[in-house]
Amino acid sequence: MKLLVEEVKNRYLSSMRTDSKTFLEAYLNNASPTGQEVQGQQLWMQYIKPYVDTFITDVYGNVAGVVNPDAPYKVAIEAHADEIAYYVNYINDKGYIYLKRNGGSDPLIAPSKRVNIHTEKGIVKAVFGWPAIHIRPREKEDAPTLKTIFLDCGCETREEVEALGVHVGCVVTFEDEMMWLNNEKYVSGRALDNRIGGFMIAETARRIRENKIALPFGLYVVNAVQEEIGLRGAEMISRRIKPNVAIVTDVCHDTQSPMHDKEVIGDISCGKGPVLTYGPSVQNNLLKSILKTATDKKIPFQRTTADRATGTDTESFAYSAEGVATALISLPLKYMHTTVESVRTDDINHVIDLMYEFVVHLKGNENYSYF
């Protein structure tokens, strides 16, 4: 039995080093709410520093590790660094705290969760309170909403809360941390959307440097901020870099778990590889090139579609400046915008494989124009 377990672990972790796993855990467990990503960005920069030549940053916290910064042809591989959160919005006379969303936080998952309130005095611990089921029988209208969820930090007056350093505008993040499931077949936790993307682009850069690949172009490994409130970070840094090609990576919905409508969302499965998107913001010639790479290198992949927009940083890159040839490589994920977002380890490895193989075979003079 022990031998079988080790075989399973090796199958899923064949290309994930101990150092990579250590970074992944630290990076996912770090809090980087939208608008306050600096701590996570510092962790990411520290990890990727040996694999790039220099960094560019901006006043809102966008970061790009750059290889060959003087090269005229520029290729960007991108993820976003921020996670959904809440803001303290109101403290009542009895010391209960009411919130405003920072990104797409779901009030339904809040009751009974533990949180960290980030203050200038440090972390203040609190819980989402909720009345017991036998005290208040559940009715349809009792579903948790922003009007009904509240935080309790063990205080009984507004003044007591404020004495801890809590004020309107403090950011609130969930306390939950990363864990492995089923002998490390799955990674689960909060903020995989999309710090798992930051991990994958960092690993791509690591593999390029450690394999001593001499790229004939500038590679920009971009970790953008503020995606969760409108793709704002990518909007800024894409205009600064002005790449010739951009590969965005984010997560997408696994539709095999219960309560998904495949006819609407599509048929996407964890364990079947990266997901390639067809849509208006995805440049078709670039997409064909990535599909060819996946086929030639025998990397499993899936397909999905977007109508007006992918809802990712793809749009910010594609429609920046005079237009950038952009494609999206997504990682299938279960339970998006919860504290138990879950992905397959082998899917992570296959996304890294696909980005690596595509990037290292570019010549640095590709023109994906239709004309």
Protein backbone atom coordinates (compact mmCIF):
# COMPACT_ATOMS: atom_id res chain seq x y z
CA MET A 1 0.00 0.00 0.00
CA LYS A 2 2.81 2.44 0.87
CA LEU A 3 4.45 1.81 -2.52
CA LEU A 4 1.19 2.54 -4.31
CA VAL A 5 0.81 5.87 -2.47
CA GLU A 6 4.36 6.89 -3.46
CA GLU A 7 3.66 5.98 -7.10
CA VAL A 8 0.55 8.15 -7.07
CA LYS A 9 2.44 11.09 -5.53
CA ASN A 10 5.26 10.79 -8.07
CA ARG A 11 2.78 10.75 -10.92
CA TYR A 12 1.27 14.07 -9.93
CA LEU A 13 4.41 15.82 -8.68
CA SER A 14 6.91 14.66 -11.27
CA SER A 15 7.85 18.20 -12.31
CA MET A 16 7.21 20.12 -9.06
CA ARG A 17 10.37 20.59 -7.00
CA THR A 18 10.46 20.91 -3.24
CA ASP A 19 11.45 24.58 -3.53
CA SER A 20 8.56 25.18 -5.92
CA LYS A 21 6.09 23.56 -3.51
CA THR A 22 7.45 25.61 -0.61
CA PHE A 23 6.98 28.81 -2.59
CA LEU A 24 3.51 27.77 -3.73
CA GLU A 25 2.33 27.24 -0.15
CA ALA A 26 3.80 30.54 1.09
CA TYR A 27 2.41 32.43 -1.90
CA LEU A 28 -1.12 31.03 -1.62
CA ASN A 29 -1.27 31.49 2.15
CA ASN A 30 -0.21 35.12 1.90
CA ALA A 31 -3.01 37.70 1.83
CA SER A 32 -3.03 39.93 -1.26
CA PRO A 33 -6.47 41.56 -1.50
CA THR A 34 -7.27 43.74 -4.48
CA GLY A 35 -5.58 47.10 -4.08
CA GLN A 36 -3.18 45.81 -1.41
CA GLU A 37 -1.14 43.17 -3.24
CA VAL A 38 2.31 44.42 -2.25
CA GLN A 39 3.18 41.66 0.24
CA GLY A 40 2.37 38.94 -2.25
CA GLN A 41 4.21 40.77 -5.00
CA GLN A 42 7.32 40.94 -2.81
CA LEU A 43 7.16 37.16 -2.22
CA TRP A 44 6.76 36.57 -5.94
CA MET A 45 9.65 38.88 -6.87
CA GLN A 46 11.94 37.20 -4.36
CA TYR A 47 11.19 33.79 -5.87
CA ILE A 48 11.52 34.77 -9.52
CA LYS A 49 14.56 37.04 -9.13
CA PRO A 50 17.16 34.37 -10.09
CA TYR A 51 15.30 33.67 -13.34
CA VAL A 52 15.01 37.19 -14.79
CA ASP A 53 17.42 40.04 -15.61
CA THR A 54 15.49 42.92 -14.10
CA PHE A 55 12.08 44.11 -12.91
CA ILE A 56 9.69 46.85 -13.88
CA THR A 57 7.07 48.07 -11.41
CA ASP A 58 4.53 50.86 -11.18
CA VAL A 59 2.74 52.96 -8.58
CA TYR A 60 -0.19 50.52 -8.21
CA GLY A 61 1.94 47.42 -7.64
CA ASN A 62 2.12 45.75 -11.04
CA VAL A 63 5.34 43.78 -11.47
CA ALA A 64 7.08 42.30 -14.51
CA GLY A 65 10.24 40.23 -14.37
CA VAL A 66 12.10 40.85 -17.62
CA VAL A 67 14.52 38.72 -19.61
CA ASN A 68 16.44 40.58 -22.35
CA PRO A 69 14.98 44.01 -21.53
CA ASP A 70 16.65 45.71 -24.53
CA ALA A 71 15.20 43.39 -27.17
CA PRO A 72 12.78 45.13 -29.56
CA TYR A 73 10.39 42.16 -29.90
CA LYS A 74 8.45 41.58 -26.66
CA VAL A 75 6.52 38.57 -25.41
CA ALA A 76 4.43 38.75 -22.22
CA ILE A 77 3.19 35.83 -20.13
CA GLU A 78 0.75 37.13 -17.52
CA ALA A 79 -1.30 36.29 -14.44
CA HIS A 80 -3.03 38.41 -11.82
CA ALA A 81 -1.93 38.64 -8.19
CA ASP A 82 -5.00 39.84 -6.30
CA GLU A 83 -7.65 37.95 -4.37
CA ILE A 84 -11.24 38.80 -3.52
CA ALA A 85 -11.84 40.30 -0.07
CA TYR A 86 -14.05 42.68 1.91
CA TYR A 87 -13.78 46.22 3.30
CA VAL A 88 -14.99 47.31 6.72
CA ASN A 89 -17.90 49.58 5.84
CA TYR A 90 -19.75 50.22 9.13
CA ILE A 91 -19.29 49.48 12.84
CA ASN A 92 -22.47 49.61 14.92
CA ASP A 93 -22.81 50.68 18.55
CA LYS A 94 -22.58 47.08 19.78
CA GLY A 95 -19.30 46.46 17.99
CA TYR A 96 -20.61 44.39 15.07
CA ILE A 97 -18.90 45.09 11.77
CA TYR A 98 -20.65 45.31 8.39
CA LEU A 99 -18.83 45.02 5.10
CA LYS A 100 -18.56 46.03 1.48
CA ARG A 101 -17.21 43.63 -1.16
CA ASN A 102 -13.74 44.10 -2.62
CA GLY A 103 -14.08 42.04 -5.80
CA GLY A 104 -16.51 39.18 -6.31
CA SER A 105 -16.81 37.91 -2.73
CA ASP A 106 -19.82 35.66 -2.13
CA PRO A 107 -21.78 36.37 1.10
CA LEU A 108 -23.25 32.87 0.95
CA ILE A 109 -19.99 31.25 2.08
CA ALA A 110 -19.26 33.77 4.86
CA PRO A 111 -21.21 32.53 7.94
CA SER A 112 -18.98 30.76 10.50
CA LYS A 113 -15.75 31.61 8.62
CA ARG A 114 -12.70 33.02 10.41
CA VAL A 115 -11.13 36.20 9.02
CA ASN A 116 -8.19 38.54 9.39
CA ILE A 117 -8.87 42.27 9.58
CA HIS A 118 -5.77 44.09 8.33
CA THR A 119 -5.01 47.19 10.40
CA GLU A 120 -2.04 49.47 10.95
CA LYS A 121 -1.62 47.82 14.36
CA GLY A 122 -1.50 44.34 12.80
CA ILE A 123 -3.98 41.54 12.20
CA VAL A 124 -7.22 41.57 14.20
CA LYS A 125 -8.98 38.21 14.35
CA ALA A 126 -12.74 38.01 13.82
CA VAL A 127 -15.50 35.62 12.79
CA PHE A 128 -18.56 35.85 10.60
CA GLY A 129 -21.42 35.33 13.06
CA TRP A 130 -24.75 33.71 12.17
CA PRO A 131 -27.84 32.72 14.21
CA ALA A 132 -28.28 29.02 14.97
CA ILE A 133 -30.73 27.05 12.82
CA HIS A 134 -32.93 26.10 15.81
CA ILE A 135 -33.13 29.75 16.92
CA ARG A 136 -34.07 31.13 13.53
CA PRO A 137 -35.60 28.54 11.16
CA ARG A 138 -34.30 28.95 7.63
CA GLU A 139 -36.48 30.75 5.13
CA LYS A 140 -35.59 31.55 1.54
CA GLU A 141 -35.19 35.24 2.37
CA ASP A 142 -32.68 34.36 5.11
CA ALA A 143 -29.89 33.54 2.66
CA PRO A 144 -26.74 35.46 3.63
CA THR A 145 -26.37 38.83 1.91
CA LEU A 146 -24.20 41.88 2.41
CA LYS A 147 -27.02 43.31 4.54
CA THR A 148 -27.12 40.35 6.91
CA ILE A 149 -23.55 39.06 7.27
CA PHE A 150 -21.42 40.68 9.97
CA LEU A 151 -18.13 40.29 11.79
CA ASP A 152 -17.64 39.76 15.53
CA CYS A 153 -14.13 40.46 16.85
CA GLY A 154 -15.02 39.92 20.51
CA CYS A 155 -15.91 43.54 21.21
CA GLU A 156 -19.12 44.94 22.67
CA THR A 157 -18.91 48.59 21.59
CA ARG A 158 -17.76 50.59 18.59
CA GLU A 159 -15.10 52.20 20.73
CA GLU A 160 -13.69 48.83 21.71
CA VAL A 161 -13.44 47.81 18.04
CA GLU A 162 -11.74 51.08 17.12
CA ALA A 163 -9.26 50.67 19.98
CA LEU A 164 -8.01 47.52 18.23
CA GLY A 165 -7.17 49.64 15.18
CA VAL A 166 -10.19 48.65 13.11
CA HIS A 167 -11.77 51.45 11.08
CA VAL A 168 -13.85 51.91 7.96
CA GLY A 169 -11.65 50.99 5.00
CA CYS A 170 -9.72 48.15 6.65
CA VAL A 171 -9.46 45.11 4.40
CA VAL A 172 -10.78 41.72 5.52
CA THR A 173 -9.49 38.39 4.18
CA PHE A 174 -10.37 34.80 5.01
CA GLU A 175 -8.00 32.93 7.31
CA ASP A 176 -8.12 29.66 5.33
CA GLU A 177 -4.81 28.26 4.06
CA MET A 178 -3.71 25.90 1.32
CA MET A 179 -3.90 22.12 1.70
CA TRP A 180 -3.17 19.08 -0.44
CA LEU A 181 -5.92 16.56 -1.21
CA ASN A 182 -5.66 12.85 -2.08
CA ASN A 183 -1.90 12.34 -1.81
CA GLU A 184 -1.22 15.74 -3.40
CA LYS A 185 -3.33 15.01 -6.47
CA TYR A 186 -5.19 18.29 -5.82
CA VAL A 187 -4.21 21.66 -4.40
CA SER A 188 -7.02 23.36 -2.47
CA GLY A 189 -7.39 26.71 -0.70
CA ARG A 190 -8.28 30.35 -1.11
CA ALA A 191 -6.80 32.68 -3.75
CA LEU A 192 -5.84 30.05 -6.30
CA ASP A 193 -7.73 32.54 -8.49
CA ASN A 194 -5.25 33.58 -9.60
CA ARG A 195 -2.07 33.30 -7.63
CA ILE A 196 -1.78 29.81 -9.05
CA GLY A 197 -1.29 31.67 -12.34
CA GLY A 198 1.52 33.70 -10.77
CA PHE A 199 3.10 30.42 -9.71
CA MET A 200 2.83 28.94 -13.21
CA ILE A 201 4.41 31.90 -15.01
CA ALA A 202 7.20 31.97 -12.41
CA GLU A 203 7.85 28.26 -12.99
CA THR A 204 7.93 28.86 -16.74
CA ALA A 205 10.62 31.51 -16.26
CA ARG A 206 12.52 29.20 -13.91
CA ARG A 207 12.54 26.38 -16.45
CA ILE A 208 13.75 28.68 -19.23
CA ARG A 209 16.65 29.96 -17.13
CA GLU A 210 17.64 26.61 -15.68
CA ASN A 211 17.60 25.00 -19.13
CA LYS A 212 19.86 27.83 -20.34
CA ILE A 213 17.55 28.83 -23.17
CA ALA A 214 18.81 31.94 -24.99
CA LEU A 215 15.65 33.75 -26.01
CA PRO A 216 15.90 35.94 -29.15
CA PHE A 217 13.32 38.40 -27.74
CA GLY A 218 12.36 40.15 -24.54
CA LEU A 219 10.27 38.04 -22.17
CA TYR A 220 8.03 39.90 -19.71
CA VAL A 221 6.74 37.74 -16.87
CA VAL A 222 3.86 39.90 -15.67
CA ASN A 223 2.04 39.65 -12.35
CA ALA A 224 -0.74 42.23 -12.54
CA VAL A 225 -2.90 43.72 -9.79
CA GLN A 226 -6.59 44.59 -9.52
CA GLU A 227 -7.99 42.04 -11.96
CA GLU A 228 -10.91 41.23 -9.69
CA ILE A 229 -12.43 44.70 -9.96
CA GLY A 230 -12.16 45.19 -13.73
CA LEU A 231 -8.79 44.04 -15.15
CA ARG A 232 -7.26 47.36 -14.11
CA GLY A 233 -3.67 46.32 -13.42
CA ALA A 234 -3.24 44.61 -16.77
CA GLU A 235 -4.76 47.66 -18.42
CA MET A 236 -1.95 49.79 -16.98
CA ILE A 237 1.05 47.56 -17.51
CA SER A 238 0.08 46.34 -20.99
CA ARG A 239 0.18 49.94 -22.20
CA ARG A 240 3.61 50.36 -20.65
CA ILE A 241 5.16 47.18 -22.05
CA LYS A 242 3.45 47.26 -25.47
CA PRO A 243 4.23 43.60 -26.19
CA ASN A 244 4.03 42.02 -29.63
CA VAL A 245 2.50 38.87 -28.15
CA ALA A 246 0.75 38.21 -24.83
CA ILE A 247 -0.21 34.88 -23.25
CA VAL A 248 -2.58 35.34 -20.33
CA THR A 249 -3.17 32.55 -17.83
CA ASP A 250 -6.08 32.41 -15.40
CA VAL A 251 -8.48 29.85 -13.99
CA CYS A 252 -11.78 28.65 -15.46
CA HIS A 253 -14.69 26.57 -14.18
CA ASP A 254 -14.50 22.81 -13.90
CA THR A 255 -18.05 21.73 -14.78
CA GLN A 256 -17.95 18.12 -13.59
CA SER A 257 -18.79 18.88 -9.96
CA PRO A 258 -22.51 19.16 -9.06
CA MET A 259 -24.75 22.11 -9.99
CA HIS A 260 -23.03 23.12 -13.25
CA ASP A 261 -24.92 23.55 -16.54
CA LYS A 262 -22.62 22.17 -19.22
CA GLU A 263 -24.92 23.32 -22.01
CA VAL A 264 -24.27 26.91 -20.90
CA ILE A 265 -20.81 26.85 -19.30
CA GLY A 266 -19.21 24.08 -21.39
CA ASP A 267 -17.75 20.65 -20.67
CA ILE A 268 -14.50 21.32 -18.77
CA SER A 269 -12.80 18.85 -16.46
CA CYS A 270 -9.97 18.97 -13.95
CA GLY A 271 -7.35 16.46 -15.05
CA LYS A 272 -7.75 16.89 -18.80
CA GLY A 273 -5.21 19.66 -19.24
CA PRO A 274 -5.12 23.39 -20.03
CA VAL A 275 -8.19 25.07 -21.50
CA LEU A 276 -7.81 27.15 -24.68
CA THR A 277 -10.46 29.79 -25.35
CA TYR A 278 -12.06 30.89 -28.59
CA GLY A 279 -13.45 34.43 -28.47
CA PRO A 280 -13.23 37.93 -29.97
CA SER A 281 -10.27 39.04 -27.85
CA VAL A 282 -8.27 35.90 -28.64
CA GLN A 283 -6.17 36.34 -31.79
CA ASN A 284 -6.97 33.35 -33.97
CA ASN A 285 -3.57 32.94 -35.65
CA LEU A 286 -1.86 32.99 -32.27
CA LEU A 287 -4.36 30.49 -30.92
CA LYS A 288 -3.67 28.15 -33.86
CA SER A 289 0.03 28.33 -33.10
CA ILE A 290 -0.54 27.41 -29.45
CA LEU A 291 -2.85 24.55 -30.47
CA LYS A 292 -0.12 23.26 -32.79
CA THR A 293 2.40 23.38 -29.94
CA ALA A 294 0.07 21.40 -27.68
CA THR A 295 -0.54 18.80 -30.40
CA ASP A 296 3.12 18.48 -31.43
CA LYS A 297 4.32 18.16 -27.83
CA LYS A 298 1.47 15.83 -26.87
CA ILE A 299 0.24 18.14 -24.12
CA PRO A 300 -3.43 17.43 -23.30
CA PHE A 301 -5.78 20.38 -23.75
CA GLN A 302 -9.45 21.33 -23.74
CA ARG A 303 -11.44 23.97 -25.60
CA THR A 304 -14.01 26.52 -24.49
CA THR A 305 -15.66 29.66 -25.82
CA ALA A 306 -16.29 33.24 -24.74
CA ASP A 307 -18.91 35.53 -26.24
CA ARG A 308 -18.21 39.22 -25.71
CA ALA A 309 -15.33 38.78 -23.29
CA THR A 310 -13.33 36.13 -21.43
CA GLY A 311 -13.60 38.08 -18.16
CA THR A 312 -9.83 37.87 -17.75
CA ASP A 313 -6.84 40.12 -18.36
CA THR A 314 -6.94 38.90 -21.97
CA GLU A 315 -9.12 41.87 -22.88
CA SER A 316 -6.75 44.39 -21.28
CA PHE A 317 -3.80 43.13 -23.29
CA ALA A 318 -5.66 42.47 -26.54
CA TYR A 319 -7.21 45.94 -26.72
CA SER A 320 -4.26 47.97 -25.44
CA ALA A 321 -2.30 50.46 -27.58
CA GLU A 322 -2.72 49.51 -31.26
CA GLY A 323 -3.84 46.00 -30.35
CA VAL A 324 -1.78 43.04 -29.14
CA ALA A 325 -1.95 39.45 -30.39
CA THR A 326 -3.25 37.77 -27.23
CA ALA A 327 -4.35 34.29 -26.20
CA LEU A 328 -5.68 32.74 -23.00
CA ILE A 329 -4.47 29.50 -21.40
CA SER A 330 -6.70 28.58 -18.47
CA LEU A 331 -6.39 26.13 -15.59
CA PRO A 332 -9.57 24.17 -14.70
CA LEU A 333 -10.64 24.96 -11.13
CA LYS A 334 -13.42 23.81 -8.82
CA TYR A 335 -15.38 26.11 -6.50
CA MET A 336 -14.19 29.51 -7.76
CA HIS A 337 -14.40 32.45 -5.33
CA THR A 338 -14.64 30.21 -2.29
CA THR A 339 -12.02 29.33 0.32
CA VAL A 340 -11.65 25.80 -1.09
CA GLU A 341 -10.77 26.50 -4.72
CA SER A 342 -9.25 23.25 -6.02
CA VAL A 343 -7.05 22.33 -9.00
CA ARG A 344 -5.27 19.20 -10.21
CA THR A 345 -1.49 19.15 -9.79
CA ASP A 346 -0.99 17.53 -13.20
CA ASP A 347 -3.04 20.31 -14.83
CA ILE A 348 -0.69 22.86 -13.24
CA ASN A 349 2.27 21.02 -14.73
CA HIS A 350 0.65 20.83 -18.16
CA VAL A 351 -0.08 24.57 -18.23
CA ILE A 352 3.59 25.21 -17.41
CA ASP A 353 4.61 22.71 -20.11
CA LEU A 354 2.47 24.45 -22.72
CA MET A 355 3.67 27.97 -21.92
CA TYR A 356 7.28 26.82 -21.83
CA GLU A 357 7.15 24.92 -25.11
CA PHE A 358 5.38 27.74 -26.90
CA VAL A 359 7.70 30.48 -25.63
CA VAL A 360 11.01 28.71 -26.24
CA HIS A 361 10.12 27.93 -29.85
CA LEU A 362 9.28 31.53 -30.76
CA LYS A 363 11.79 33.15 -33.10
CA GLY A 364 11.08 36.71 -32.04
CA ASN A 365 9.81 37.91 -35.42
CA GLU A 366 6.33 36.34 -35.53
CA ASN A 367 3.59 38.43 -37.13
CA TYR A 368 0.15 37.10 -36.34
CA SER A 369 -1.66 39.70 -38.44
CA TYR A 370 -4.38 38.51 -40.79
CA PHE A 371 -3.08 40.69 -43.63
